[in-house]
Every structure is written in structure tokens, then in C-alpha cells.
Amino acid sequence: MPPSGKYPVTPDGRYFVVDGRLWRTSNPHLAPEVRQALVERLMRARRQVGVAKKAGDADAERSARADVDDAKRGLGERGPVWWTDGAPDYNRHMAKNTPYADWFAALPAGGV
């Protein structure tokens, strides 16, 4: 999902930063209706994870987590990268250990 503005986004728009870690943004080239359907699917799957955990149903939780993963892959947040310039994926890397280190260090208060 695209960041809400609460977290800094890398200059190339590929990642947002939470607690110093890079997280891949959604594919900005998705049609709005496709993005909305995938976000709704993701939110539904996340709710199902919570219900399954609360019920202690490991099979349902596993299934719901697979649904979360499928939706995130559809959004471009996991799986193959959505950009086409051949740049590597730094998803889940600490920003300070990537080519974004200088940008991150220059953020107010050392980033978020």
C-alpha cells in the first residue's frame, strides 16, 4: 500500500521508511480500481488473520496469511519488483545499509 504521508518516502518512490527499515511501496502503475480491490482483499485477509489467531485456528491463520501474501504480491509490495530499470530490491533492509543511507541520514532527526 502507498504510504499515508506519515513515513518518509525515498526520492525514487520505491520505498517508505519505518523505524529505519525500507518497505516497498505499492506499484504506482496499477489502475485505481485494481489497487482498490487488492487493498480491500489485503484488509480482509489481515482481519481473517486476527480472527484465526484469536480462535487458535492454525490452519485458518496459515490460509489467511497466504491471502495477505497474495494481495501484497498483487500490489507489488512483495515478489518481483515493479520497476524496470534493473535496480536491486532493498525491501526490508535497514536504510543506513543501502544506497539510500545519505538520503536517510539527512532526514530530520535521522529519519523515522
PDB file of N, CA and C in Angstrom:
ATOM      1  N   MET A   1       0.840  -1.166   0.000  1.00  0.00           N
ATOM      2  CA  MET A   1       0.000   0.000   0.000  1.00  0.00           C
ATOM      3  C   MET A   1       0.887   1.231   0.000  1.00  0.00           C
ATOM      4  N   PRO A   2       0.397   2.295  -0.617  1.00  0.00           N
ATOM      5  CA  PRO A   2       1.202   3.509  -0.598  1.00  0.00           C
ATOM      6  C   PRO A   2       1.211   4.111   0.804  1.00  0.00           C
ATOM      7  N   PRO A   3       2.309   4.742   1.178  1.00  0.00           N
ATOM      8  CA  PRO A   3       2.364   5.348   2.495  1.00  0.00           C
ATOM      9  C   PRO A   3       1.388   6.509   2.609  1.00  0.00           C
ATOM     10  N   SER A   4       0.953   6.784   3.806  1.00  0.00           N
ATOM     11  CA  SER A   4      -0.054   7.811   4.048  1.00  0.00           C
ATOM     12  C   SER A   4       0.532   9.201   4.195  1.00  0.00           C
ATOM     13  N   GLY A   5       1.816   9.364   4.077  1.00  0.00           N
ATOM     14  CA  GLY A   5       2.450  10.645   4.320  1.00  0.00           C
ATOM     15  C   GLY A   5       3.059  10.697   5.710  1.00  0.00           C
ATOM     16  N   LYS A   6       2.771   9.699   6.507  1.00  0.00           N
ATOM     17  CA  LYS A   6       3.303   9.623   7.866  1.00  0.00           C
ATOM     18  C   LYS A   6       4.776   9.227   7.857  1.00  0.00           C
ATOM     19  N   TYR A   7       5.190   8.497   6.853  1.00  0.00           N
ATOM     20  CA  TYR A   7       6.553   7.975   6.783  1.00  0.00           C
ATOM     21  C   TYR A   7       7.274   8.576   5.583  1.00  0.00           C
ATOM     22  N   PRO A   8       8.583   8.807   5.716  1.00  0.00           N
ATOM     23  CA  PRO A   8       9.322   9.348   4.574  1.00  0.00           C
ATOM     24  C   PRO A   8       9.395   8.335   3.432  1.00  0.00           C
ATOM     25  N   VAL A   9       9.330   8.857   2.227  1.00  0.00           N
ATOM     26  CA  VAL A   9       9.399   8.037   1.015  1.00  0.00           C
ATOM     27  C   VAL A   9      10.703   8.367   0.301  1.00  0.00           C
ATOM     28  N   THR A  10      11.388   7.334  -0.171  1.00  0.00           N
ATOM     29  CA  THR A  10      12.649   7.552  -0.877  1.00  0.00           C
ATOM     30  C   THR A  10      12.419   8.437  -2.101  1.00  0.00           C
ATOM     31  N   PRO A  11      13.441   9.163  -2.527  1.00  0.00           N
ATOM     32  CA  PRO A  11      13.285  10.069  -3.665  1.00  0.00           C
ATOM     33  C   PRO A  11      12.755   9.391  -4.930  1.00  0.00           C
ATOM     34  N   ASP A  12      13.056   8.110  -5.110  1.00  0.00           N
ATOM     35  CA  ASP A  12      12.574   7.403  -6.300  1.00  0.00           C
ATOM     36  C   ASP A  12      11.181   6.810  -6.107  1.00  0.00           C
ATOM     37  N   GLY A  13      10.613   6.953  -4.909  1.00  0.00           N
ATOM     38  CA  GLY A  13       9.256   6.481  -4.646  1.00  0.00           C
ATOM     39  C   GLY A  13       9.121   4.982  -4.470  1.00  0.00           C
ATOM     40  N   ARG A  14      10.215   4.273  -4.389  1.00  0.00           N
ATOM     41  CA  ARG A  14      10.151   2.812  -4.308  1.00  0.00           C
ATOM     42  C   ARG A  14       9.915   2.289  -2.896  1.00  0.00           C
ATOM     43  N   TYR A  15      10.316   3.054  -1.898  1.00  0.00           N
ATOM     44  CA  TYR A  15      10.228   2.587  -0.511  1.00  0.00           C
ATOM     45  C   TYR A  15       9.740   3.701   0.395  1.00  0.00           C
ATOM     46  N   PHE A  16       9.154   3.303   1.516  1.00  0.00           N
ATOM     47  CA  PHE A  16       8.951   4.217   2.626  1.00  0.00           C
ATOM     48  C   PHE A  16       9.718   3.628   3.800  1.00  0.00           C
ATOM     49  N   VAL A  17       9.981   4.447   4.808  1.00  0.00           N
ATOM     50  CA  VAL A  17      10.846   4.042   5.913  1.00  0.00           C
ATOM     51  C   VAL A  17      10.064   4.023   7.219  1.00  0.00           C
ATOM     52  N   VAL A  18      10.163   2.906   7.929  1.00  0.00           N
ATOM     53  CA  VAL A  18       9.581   2.765   9.262  1.00  0.00           C
ATOM     54  C   VAL A  18      10.681   2.242  10.176  1.00  0.00           C
ATOM     55  N   ASP A  19      10.951   2.980  11.237  1.00  0.00           N
ATOM     56  CA  ASP A  19      11.991   2.588  12.197  1.00  0.00           C
ATOM     57  C   ASP A  19      13.316   2.263  11.507  1.00  0.00           C
ATOM     58  N   GLY A  20      13.646   3.052  10.489  1.00  0.00           N
ATOM     59  CA  GLY A  20      14.918   2.893   9.800  1.00  0.00           C
ATOM     60  C   GLY A  20      14.957   1.813   8.740  1.00  0.00           C
ATOM     61  N   ARG A  21      13.855   1.103   8.567  1.00  0.00           N
ATOM     62  CA  ARG A  21      13.809  -0.015   7.616  1.00  0.00           C
ATOM     63  C   ARG A  21      13.025   0.391   6.371  1.00  0.00           C
ATOM     64  N   LEU A  22      13.537  -0.020   5.207  1.00  0.00           N
ATOM     65  CA  LEU A  22      12.861   0.246   3.935  1.00  0.00           C
ATOM     66  C   LEU A  22      11.752  -0.776   3.699  1.00  0.00           C
ATOM     67  N   TRP A  23      10.604  -0.282   3.286  1.00  0.00           N
ATOM     68  CA  TRP A  23       9.472  -1.136   2.919  1.00  0.00           C
ATOM     69  C   TRP A  23       9.011  -0.710   1.534  1.00  0.00           C
ATOM     70  N   ARG A  24       8.859  -1.676   0.649  1.00  0.00           N
ATOM     71  CA  ARG A  24       8.489  -1.375  -0.730  1.00  0.00           C
ATOM     72  C   ARG A  24       7.082  -0.782  -0.802  1.00  0.00           C
ATOM     73  N   THR A  25       6.944   0.261  -1.596  1.00  0.00           N
ATOM     74  CA  THR A  25       5.625   0.848  -1.824  1.00  0.00           C
ATOM     75  C   THR A  25       4.879   0.026  -2.875  1.00  0.00           C
ATOM     76  N   SER A  26       3.603   0.266  -2.971  1.00  0.00           N
ATOM     77  CA  SER A  26       2.790  -0.389  -3.996  1.00  0.00           C
ATOM     78  C   SER A  26       3.189   0.113  -5.375  1.00  0.00           C
ATOM     79  N   ASN A  27       2.898  -0.686  -6.362  1.00  0.00           N
ATOM     80  CA  ASN A  27       3.160  -0.329  -7.748  1.00  0.00           C
ATOM     81  C   ASN A  27       2.302   0.882  -8.120  1.00  0.00           C
ATOM     82  N   PRO A  28       2.908   2.020  -8.429  1.00  0.00           N
ATOM     83  CA  PRO A  28       2.126   3.212  -8.758  1.00  0.00           C
ATOM     84  C   PRO A  28       1.442   3.124 -10.119  1.00  0.00           C
ATOM     85  N   HIS A  29       1.754   2.104 -10.891  1.00  0.00           N
ATOM     86  CA  HIS A  29       1.181   1.960 -12.227  1.00  0.00           C
ATOM     87  C   HIS A  29      -0.098   1.121 -12.237  1.00  0.00           C
ATOM     88  N   LEU A  30      -0.511   0.628 -11.077  1.00  0.00           N
ATOM     89  CA  LEU A  30      -1.759  -0.140 -11.018  1.00  0.00           C
ATOM     90  C   LEU A  30      -2.944   0.783 -11.282  1.00  0.00           C
ATOM     91  N   ALA A  31      -3.921   0.270 -12.007  1.00  0.00           N
ATOM     92  CA  ALA A  31      -5.151   1.033 -12.213  1.00  0.00           C
ATOM     93  C   ALA A  31      -5.834   1.228 -10.860  1.00  0.00           C
ATOM     94  N   PRO A  32      -6.464   2.385 -10.641  1.00  0.00           N
ATOM     95  CA  PRO A  32      -7.082   2.658  -9.339  1.00  0.00           C
ATOM     96  C   PRO A  32      -8.054   1.572  -8.877  1.00  0.00           C
ATOM     97  N   GLU A  33      -8.844   1.039  -9.792  1.00  0.00           N
ATOM     98  CA  GLU A  33      -9.816   0.021  -9.390  1.00  0.00           C
ATOM     99  C   GLU A  33      -9.126  -1.296  -9.018  1.00  0.00           C
ATOM    100  N   VAL A  34      -8.022  -1.603  -9.680  1.00  0.00           N
ATOM    101  CA  VAL A  34      -7.246  -2.804  -9.351  1.00  0.00           C
ATOM    102  C   VAL A  34      -6.603  -2.631  -7.980  1.00  0.00           C
ATOM    103  N   ARG A  35      -5.995  -1.466  -7.762  1.00  0.00           N
ATOM    104  CA  ARG A  35      -5.375  -1.174  -6.469  1.00  0.00           C
ATOM    105  C   ARG A  35      -6.409  -1.277  -5.350  1.00  0.00           C
ATOM    106  N   GLN A  36      -7.571  -0.669  -5.547  1.00  0.00           N
ATOM    107  CA  GLN A  36      -8.609  -0.684  -4.516  1.00  0.00           C
ATOM    108  C   GLN A  36      -9.057  -2.107  -4.200  1.00  0.00           C
ATOM    109  N   ALA A  37      -9.246  -2.916  -5.224  1.00  0.00           N
ATOM    110  CA  ALA A  37      -9.659  -4.308  -4.997  1.00  0.00           C
ATOM    111  C   ALA A  37      -8.590  -5.071  -4.216  1.00  0.00           C
ATOM    112  N   LEU A  38      -7.333  -4.844  -4.544  1.00  0.00           N
ATOM    113  CA  LEU A  38      -6.246  -5.527  -3.833  1.00  0.00           C
ATOM    114  C   LEU A  38      -6.126  -5.045  -2.387  1.00  0.00           C
ATOM    115  N   VAL A  39      -6.308  -3.751  -2.166  1.00  0.00           N
ATOM    116  CA  VAL A  39      -6.260  -3.217  -0.798  1.00  0.00           C
ATOM    117  C   VAL A  39      -7.402  -3.802   0.026  1.00  0.00           C
ATOM    118  N   GLU A  40      -8.585  -3.873  -0.557  1.00  0.00           N
ATOM    119  CA  GLU A  40      -9.727  -4.464   0.154  1.00  0.00           C
ATOM    120  C   GLU A  40      -9.451  -5.929   0.478  1.00  0.00           C
ATOM    121  N   ARG A  41      -8.873  -6.635  -0.469  1.00  0.00           N
ATOM    122  CA  ARG A  41      -8.523  -8.042  -0.242  1.00  0.00           C
ATOM    123  C   ARG A  41      -7.482  -8.169   0.875  1.00  0.00           C
ATOM    124  N   LEU A  42      -6.502  -7.280   0.866  1.00  0.00           N
ATOM    125  CA  LEU A  42      -5.466  -7.286   1.901  1.00  0.00           C
ATOM    126  C   LEU A  42      -6.067  -7.025   3.280  1.00  0.00           C
ATOM    127  N   MET A  43      -6.920  -6.025   3.382  1.00  0.00           N
ATOM    128  CA  MET A  43      -7.522  -5.699   4.682  1.00  0.00           C
ATOM    129  C   MET A  43      -8.398  -6.850   5.187  1.00  0.00           C
ATOM    130  N   ARG A  44      -9.129  -7.451   4.278  1.00  0.00           N
ATOM    131  CA  ARG A  44      -9.977  -8.599   4.649  1.00  0.00           C
ATOM    132  C   ARG A  44      -9.109  -9.756   5.160  1.00  0.00           C
ATOM    133  N   ALA A  45      -8.026 -10.024   4.454  1.00  0.00           N
ATOM    134  CA  ALA A  45      -7.126 -11.115   4.857  1.00  0.00           C
ATOM    135  C   ALA A  45      -6.469 -10.816   6.202  1.00  0.00           C
ATOM    136  N   ARG A  46      -6.096  -9.568   6.429  1.00  0.00           N
ATOM    137  CA  ARG A  46      -5.498  -9.208   7.722  1.00  0.00           C
ATOM    138  C   ARG A  46      -6.498  -9.406   8.859  1.00  0.00           C
ATOM    139  N   ARG A  47      -7.747  -9.042   8.608  1.00  0.00           N
ATOM    140  CA  ARG A  47      -8.778  -9.284   9.635  1.00  0.00           C
ATOM    141  C   ARG A  47      -8.924 -10.778   9.894  1.00  0.00           C
ATOM    142  N   GLN A  48      -8.879 -11.574   8.830  1.00  0.00           N
ATOM    143  CA  GLN A  48      -9.006 -13.028   8.978  1.00  0.00           C
ATOM    144  C   GLN A  48      -7.845 -13.612   9.778  1.00  0.00           C
ATOM    145  N   VAL A  49      -6.657 -13.049   9.627  1.00  0.00           N
ATOM    146  CA  VAL A  49      -5.511 -13.493  10.432  1.00  0.00           C
ATOM    147  C   VAL A  49      -5.827 -13.282  11.905  1.00  0.00           C
ATOM    148  N   GLY A  50      -6.333 -12.108  12.242  1.00  0.00           N
ATOM    149  CA  GLY A  50      -6.659 -11.808  13.633  1.00  0.00           C
ATOM    150  C   GLY A  50      -7.722 -12.719  14.202  1.00  0.00           C
ATOM    151  N   VAL A  51      -8.757 -12.974  13.420  1.00  0.00           N
ATOM    152  CA  VAL A  51      -9.838 -13.862  13.863  1.00  0.00           C
ATOM    153  C   VAL A  51      -9.292 -15.267  14.099  1.00  0.00           C
ATOM    154  N   ALA A  52      -8.481 -15.743  13.168  1.00  0.00           N
ATOM    155  CA  ALA A  52      -7.920 -17.095  13.287  1.00  0.00           C
ATOM    156  C   ALA A  52      -6.992 -17.205  14.493  1.00  0.00           C
ATOM    157  N   LYS A  53      -6.169 -16.182  14.709  1.00  0.00           N
ATOM    158  CA  LYS A  53      -5.266 -16.205  15.866  1.00  0.00           C
ATOM    159  C   LYS A  53      -6.067 -16.237  17.162  1.00  0.00           C
ATOM    160  N   LYS A  54      -7.089 -15.405  17.223  1.00  0.00           N
ATOM    161  CA  LYS A  54      -7.913 -15.338  18.432  1.00  0.00           C
ATOM    162  C   LYS A  54      -8.596 -16.673  18.701  1.00  0.00           C
ATOM    163  N   ALA A  55      -8.987 -17.354  17.630  1.00  0.00           N
ATOM    164  CA  ALA A  55      -9.663 -18.647  17.758  1.00  0.00           C
ATOM    165  C   ALA A  55      -8.675 -19.798  17.951  1.00  0.00           C
ATOM    166  N   GLY A  56      -7.387 -19.522  17.785  1.00  0.00           N
ATOM    167  CA  GLY A  56      -6.392 -20.584  17.904  1.00  0.00           C
ATOM    168  C   GLY A  56      -6.439 -21.571  16.754  1.00  0.00           C
ATOM    169  N   ASP A  57      -6.920 -21.114  15.601  1.00  0.00           N
ATOM    170  CA  ASP A  57      -7.073 -21.974  14.425  1.00  0.00           C
ATOM    171  C   ASP A  57      -5.856 -21.804  13.512  1.00  0.00           C
ATOM    172  N   ALA A  58      -4.872 -22.667  13.683  1.00  0.00           N
ATOM    173  CA  ALA A  58      -3.616 -22.551  12.939  1.00  0.00           C
ATOM    174  C   ALA A  58      -3.812 -22.696  11.434  1.00  0.00           C
ATOM    175  N   ASP A  59      -4.707 -23.590  11.016  1.00  0.00           N
ATOM    176  CA  ASP A  59      -4.939 -23.777   9.578  1.00  0.00           C
ATOM    177  C   ASP A  59      -5.553 -22.525   8.960  1.00  0.00           C
ATOM    178  N   ALA A  60      -6.542 -21.952   9.632  1.00  0.00           N
ATOM    179  CA  ALA A  60      -7.175 -20.733   9.125  1.00  0.00           C
ATOM    180  C   ALA A  60      -6.180 -19.575   9.119  1.00  0.00           C
ATOM    181  N   GLU A  61      -5.340 -19.520  10.141  1.00  0.00           N
ATOM    182  CA  GLU A  61      -4.334 -18.458  10.187  1.00  0.00           C
ATOM    183  C   GLU A  61      -3.353 -18.603   9.031  1.00  0.00           C
ATOM    184  N   ARG A  62      -2.908 -19.807   8.767  1.00  0.00           N
ATOM    185  CA  ARG A  62      -1.977 -20.066   7.664  1.00  0.00           C
ATOM    186  C   ARG A  62      -2.616 -19.658   6.332  1.00  0.00           C
ATOM    187  N   SER A  63      -3.880 -20.008   6.155  1.00  0.00           N
ATOM    188  CA  SER A  63      -4.593 -19.656   4.930  1.00  0.00           C
ATOM    189  C   SER A  63      -4.742 -18.138   4.790  1.00  0.00           C
ATOM    190  N   ALA A  64      -5.083 -17.482   5.887  1.00  0.00           N
ATOM    191  CA  ALA A  64      -5.248 -16.029   5.858  1.00  0.00           C
ATOM    192  C   ALA A  64      -3.916 -15.340   5.575  1.00  0.00           C
ATOM    193  N   ARG A  65      -2.848 -15.848   6.153  1.00  0.00           N
ATOM    194  CA  ARG A  65      -1.526 -15.263   5.891  1.00  0.00           C
ATOM    195  C   ARG A  65      -1.131 -15.445   4.419  1.00  0.00           C
ATOM    196  N   ALA A  66      -1.515 -16.556   3.831  1.00  0.00           N
ATOM    197  CA  ALA A  66      -1.257 -16.762   2.399  1.00  0.00           C
ATOM    198  C   ALA A  66      -2.047 -15.749   1.575  1.00  0.00           C
ATOM    199  N   ASP A  67      -3.274 -15.451   2.006  1.00  0.00           N
ATOM    200  CA  ASP A  67      -4.081 -14.440   1.316  1.00  0.00           C
ATOM    201  C   ASP A  67      -3.447 -13.055   1.434  1.00  0.00           C
ATOM    202  N   VAL A  68      -2.897 -12.743   2.611  1.00  0.00           N
ATOM    203  CA  VAL A  68      -2.186 -11.473   2.792  1.00  0.00           C
ATOM    204  C   VAL A  68      -1.018 -11.410   1.812  1.00  0.00           C
ATOM    205  N   ASP A  69      -0.252 -12.477   1.741  1.00  0.00           N
ATOM    206  CA  ASP A  69       0.902 -12.509   0.849  1.00  0.00           C
ATOM    207  C   ASP A  69       0.481 -12.336  -0.610  1.00  0.00           C
ATOM    208  N   ASP A  70      -0.585 -13.016  -1.013  1.00  0.00           N
ATOM    209  CA  ASP A  70      -1.066 -12.888  -2.394  1.00  0.00           C
ATOM    210  C   ASP A  70      -1.454 -11.446  -2.716  1.00  0.00           C
ATOM    211  N   ALA A  71      -2.161 -10.799  -1.794  1.00  0.00           N
ATOM    212  CA  ALA A  71      -2.581  -9.416  -2.024  1.00  0.00           C
ATOM    213  C   ALA A  71      -1.368  -8.492  -2.096  1.00  0.00           C
ATOM    214  N   LYS A  72      -0.406  -8.689  -1.208  1.00  0.00           N
ATOM    215  CA  LYS A  72       0.797  -7.852  -1.215  1.00  0.00           C
ATOM    216  C   LYS A  72       1.598  -8.069  -2.498  1.00  0.00           C
ATOM    217  N   ARG A  73       1.631  -9.280  -2.997  1.00  0.00           N
ATOM    218  CA  ARG A  73       2.307  -9.542  -4.270  1.00  0.00           C
ATOM    219  C   ARG A  73       1.573  -8.838  -5.413  1.00  0.00           C
ATOM    220  N   GLY A  74       0.249  -8.885  -5.370  1.00  0.00           N
ATOM    221  CA  GLY A  74      -0.532  -8.191  -6.388  1.00  0.00           C
ATOM    222  C   GLY A  74      -0.293  -6.691  -6.385  1.00  0.00           C
ATOM    223  N   LEU A  75      -0.117  -6.134  -5.196  1.00  0.00           N
ATOM    224  CA  LEU A  75       0.152  -4.704  -5.065  1.00  0.00           C
ATOM    225  C   LEU A  75       1.587  -4.339  -5.444  1.00  0.00           C
ATOM    226  N   GLY A  76       2.449  -5.339  -5.540  1.00  0.00           N
ATOM    227  CA  GLY A  76       3.847  -5.087  -5.867  1.00  0.00           C
ATOM    228  C   GLY A  76       4.720  -4.855  -4.652  1.00  0.00           C
ATOM    229  N   GLU A  77       4.169  -5.068  -3.458  1.00  0.00           N
ATOM    230  CA  GLU A  77       4.932  -4.858  -2.227  1.00  0.00           C
ATOM    231  C   GLU A  77       5.838  -6.045  -1.902  1.00  0.00           C
ATOM    232  N   ARG A  78       5.565  -7.171  -2.506  1.00  0.00           N
ATOM    233  CA  ARG A  78       6.390  -8.381  -2.362  1.00  0.00           C
ATOM    234  C   ARG A  78       6.549  -9.000  -3.743  1.00  0.00           C
ATOM    235  N   GLY A  79       7.445  -9.962  -3.836  1.00  0.00           N
ATOM    236  CA  GLY A  79       7.639 -10.639  -5.118  1.00  0.00           C
ATOM    237  C   GLY A  79       8.497  -9.809  -6.051  1.00  0.00           C
ATOM    238  N   PRO A  80       8.352 -10.027  -7.352  1.00  0.00           N
ATOM    239  CA  PRO A  80       9.166  -9.282  -8.319  1.00  0.00           C
ATOM    240  C   PRO A  80       8.946  -7.772  -8.173  1.00  0.00           C
ATOM    241  N   VAL A  81      10.006  -7.011  -8.353  1.00  0.00           N
ATOM    242  CA  VAL A  81       9.888  -5.556  -8.246  1.00  0.00           C
ATOM    243  C   VAL A  81       9.042  -5.008  -9.384  1.00  0.00           C
ATOM    244  N   TRP A  82       8.432  -3.860  -9.155  1.00  0.00           N
ATOM    245  CA  TRP A  82       7.577  -3.258 -10.175  1.00  0.00           C
ATOM    246  C   TRP A  82       8.329  -2.276 -11.072  1.00  0.00           C
ATOM    247  N   TRP A  83       9.549  -1.907 -10.715  1.00  0.00           N
ATOM    248  CA  TRP A  83      10.307  -1.005 -11.566  1.00  0.00           C
ATOM    249  C   TRP A  83      11.072  -1.822 -12.597  1.00  0.00           C
ATOM    250  N   THR A  84      11.488  -1.142 -13.661  1.00  0.00           N
ATOM    251  CA  THR A  84      12.042  -1.869 -14.810  1.00  0.00           C
ATOM    252  C   THR A  84      13.475  -1.480 -15.160  1.00  0.00           C
ATOM    253  N   ASP A  85      14.133  -0.712 -14.295  1.00  0.00           N
ATOM    254  CA  ASP A  85      15.483  -0.251 -14.631  1.00  0.00           C
ATOM    255  C   ASP A  85      16.587  -1.188 -14.153  1.00  0.00           C
ATOM    256  N   GLY A  86      16.205  -2.333 -13.599  1.00  0.00           N
ATOM    257  CA  GLY A  86      17.193  -3.306 -13.157  1.00  0.00           C
ATOM    258  C   GLY A  86      17.794  -3.043 -11.786  1.00  0.00           C
ATOM    259  N   ALA A  87      17.340  -1.995 -11.102  1.00  0.00           N
ATOM    260  CA  ALA A  87      17.867  -1.689  -9.761  1.00  0.00           C
ATOM    261  C   ALA A  87      17.492  -2.810  -8.794  1.00  0.00           C
ATOM    262  N   PRO A  88      18.391  -3.138  -7.866  1.00  0.00           N
ATOM    263  CA  PRO A  88      18.105  -4.213  -6.911  1.00  0.00           C
ATOM    264  C   PRO A  88      17.006  -3.823  -5.928  1.00  0.00           C
ATOM    265  N   ASP A  89      16.478  -4.824  -5.278  1.00  0.00           N
ATOM    266  CA  ASP A  89      15.423  -4.628  -4.288  1.00  0.00           C
ATOM    267  C   ASP A  89      16.048  -4.547  -2.899  1.00  0.00           C
ATOM    268  N   TYR A  90      15.758  -3.469  -2.196  1.00  0.00           N
ATOM    269  CA  TYR A  90      16.245  -3.298  -0.824  1.00  0.00           C
ATOM    270  C   TYR A  90      15.111  -3.407   0.188  1.00  0.00           C
ATOM    271  N   ASN A  91      14.025  -4.038  -0.204  1.00  0.00           N
ATOM    272  CA  ASN A  91      12.893  -4.202   0.705  1.00  0.00           C
ATOM    273  C   ASN A  91      13.345  -4.865   2.000  1.00  0.00           C
ATOM    274  N   ARG A  92      12.943  -4.304   3.110  1.00  0.00           N
ATOM    275  CA  ARG A  92      13.208  -4.781   4.472  1.00  0.00           C
ATOM    276  C   ARG A  92      14.657  -4.585   4.923  1.00  0.00           C
ATOM    277  N   HIS A  93      15.469  -3.948   4.120  1.00  0.00           N
ATOM    278  CA  HIS A  93      16.843  -3.627   4.533  1.00  0.00           C
ATOM    279  C   HIS A  93      16.818  -2.363   5.395  1.00  0.00           C
ATOM    280  N   MET A  94      17.795  -2.244   6.261  1.00  0.00           N
ATOM    281  CA  MET A  94      17.954  -1.010   7.020  1.00  0.00           C
ATOM    282  C   MET A  94      18.454   0.059   6.052  1.00  0.00           C
ATOM    283  N   ALA A  95      17.801   1.210   6.050  1.00  0.00           N
ATOM    284  CA  ALA A  95      18.146   2.278   5.106  1.00  0.00           C
ATOM    285  C   ALA A  95      19.615   2.664   5.199  1.00  0.00           C
ATOM    286  N   LYS A  96      20.162   2.655   6.400  1.00  0.00           N
ATOM    287  CA  LYS A  96      21.558   3.072   6.588  1.00  0.00           C
ATOM    288  C   LYS A  96      22.552   2.122   5.926  1.00  0.00           C
ATOM    289  N   ASN A  97      22.101   0.940   5.538  1.00  0.00           N
ATOM    290  CA  ASN A  97      22.973  -0.052   4.901  1.00  0.00           C
ATOM    291  C   ASN A  97      22.711  -0.193   3.406  1.00  0.00           C
ATOM    292  N   THR A  98      22.091   0.812   2.815  1.00  0.00           N
ATOM    293  CA  THR A  98      21.722   0.764   1.398  1.00  0.00           C
ATOM    294  C   THR A  98      22.217   2.030   0.699  1.00  0.00           C
ATOM    295  N   PRO A  99      22.045   2.109  -0.608  1.00  0.00           N
ATOM    296  CA  PRO A  99      22.389   3.349  -1.307  1.00  0.00           C
ATOM    297  C   PRO A  99      21.547   4.552  -0.859  1.00  0.00           C
ATOM    298  N   TYR A 100      20.508   4.330  -0.081  1.00  0.00           N
ATOM    299  CA  TYR A 100      19.674   5.416   0.443  1.00  0.00           C
ATOM    300  C   TYR A 100      20.226   5.986   1.748  1.00  0.00           C
ATOM    301  N   ALA A 101      21.376   5.516   2.202  1.00  0.00           N
ATOM    302  CA  ALA A 101      21.924   5.897   3.511  1.00  0.00           C
ATOM    303  C   ALA A 101      22.090   7.411   3.663  1.00  0.00           C
ATOM    304  N   ASP A 102      22.677   8.074   2.682  1.00  0.00           N
ATOM    305  CA  ASP A 102      22.883   9.521   2.800  1.00  0.00           C
ATOM    306  C   ASP A 102      21.557  10.262   2.836  1.00  0.00           C
ATOM    307  N   TRP A 103      20.633   9.868   1.976  1.00  0.00           N
ATOM    308  CA  TRP A 103      19.301  10.476   1.986  1.00  0.00           C
ATOM    309  C   TRP A 103      18.652  10.290   3.354  1.00  0.00           C
ATOM    310  N   PHE A 104      18.718   9.089   3.882  1.00  0.00           N
ATOM    311  CA  PHE A 104      18.098   8.785   5.169  1.00  0.00           C
ATOM    312  C   PHE A 104      18.742   9.588   6.298  1.00  0.00           C
ATOM    313  N   ALA A 105      20.060   9.666   6.293  1.00  0.00           N
ATOM    314  CA  ALA A 105      20.775  10.397   7.345  1.00  0.00           C
ATOM    315  C   ALA A 105      20.441  11.884   7.325  1.00  0.00           C
ATOM    316  N   ALA A 106      20.084  12.405   6.156  1.00  0.00           N
ATOM    317  CA  ALA A 106      19.766  13.827   6.030  1.00  0.00           C
ATOM    318  C   ALA A 106      18.344  14.165   6.468  1.00  0.00           C
ATOM    319  N   LEU A 107      17.528  13.161   6.737  1.00  0.00           N
ATOM    320  CA  LEU A 107      16.163  13.427   7.185  1.00  0.00           C
ATOM    321  C   LEU A 107      16.188  14.059   8.573  1.00  0.00           C
ATOM    322  N   PRO A 108      15.193  14.877   8.892  1.00  0.00           N
ATOM    323  CA  PRO A 108      15.127  15.447  10.238  1.00  0.00           C
ATOM    324  C   PRO A 108      15.125  14.337  11.288  1.00  0.00           C
ATOM    325  N   ALA A 109      15.894  14.512  12.328  1.00  0.00           N
ATOM    326  CA  ALA A 109      16.005  13.539  13.433  1.00  0.00           C
ATOM    327  C   ALA A 109      16.493  12.184  12.941  1.00  0.00           C
ATOM    328  N   GLY A 110      17.252  12.158  11.866  1.00  0.00           N
ATOM    329  CA  GLY A 110      17.815  10.901  11.377  1.00  0.00           C
ATOM    330  C   GLY A 110      16.797   9.965  10.775  1.00  0.00           C
ATOM    331  N   GLY A 111      15.668  10.479  10.322  1.00  0.00           N
ATOM    332  CA  GLY A 111      14.635   9.642   9.715  1.00  0.00           C
ATOM    333  C   GLY A 111      13.609   9.203  10.721  1.00  0.00           C
ATOM    334  N   VAL A 112      12.825   8.266  10.327  1.00  0.00           N
ATOM    335  CA  VAL A 112      11.736   7.762  11.182  1.00  0.00           C
ATOM    336  C   VAL A 112      12.009   6.328  11.540  1.00  0.00           C
TER     337      VAL A 112
END
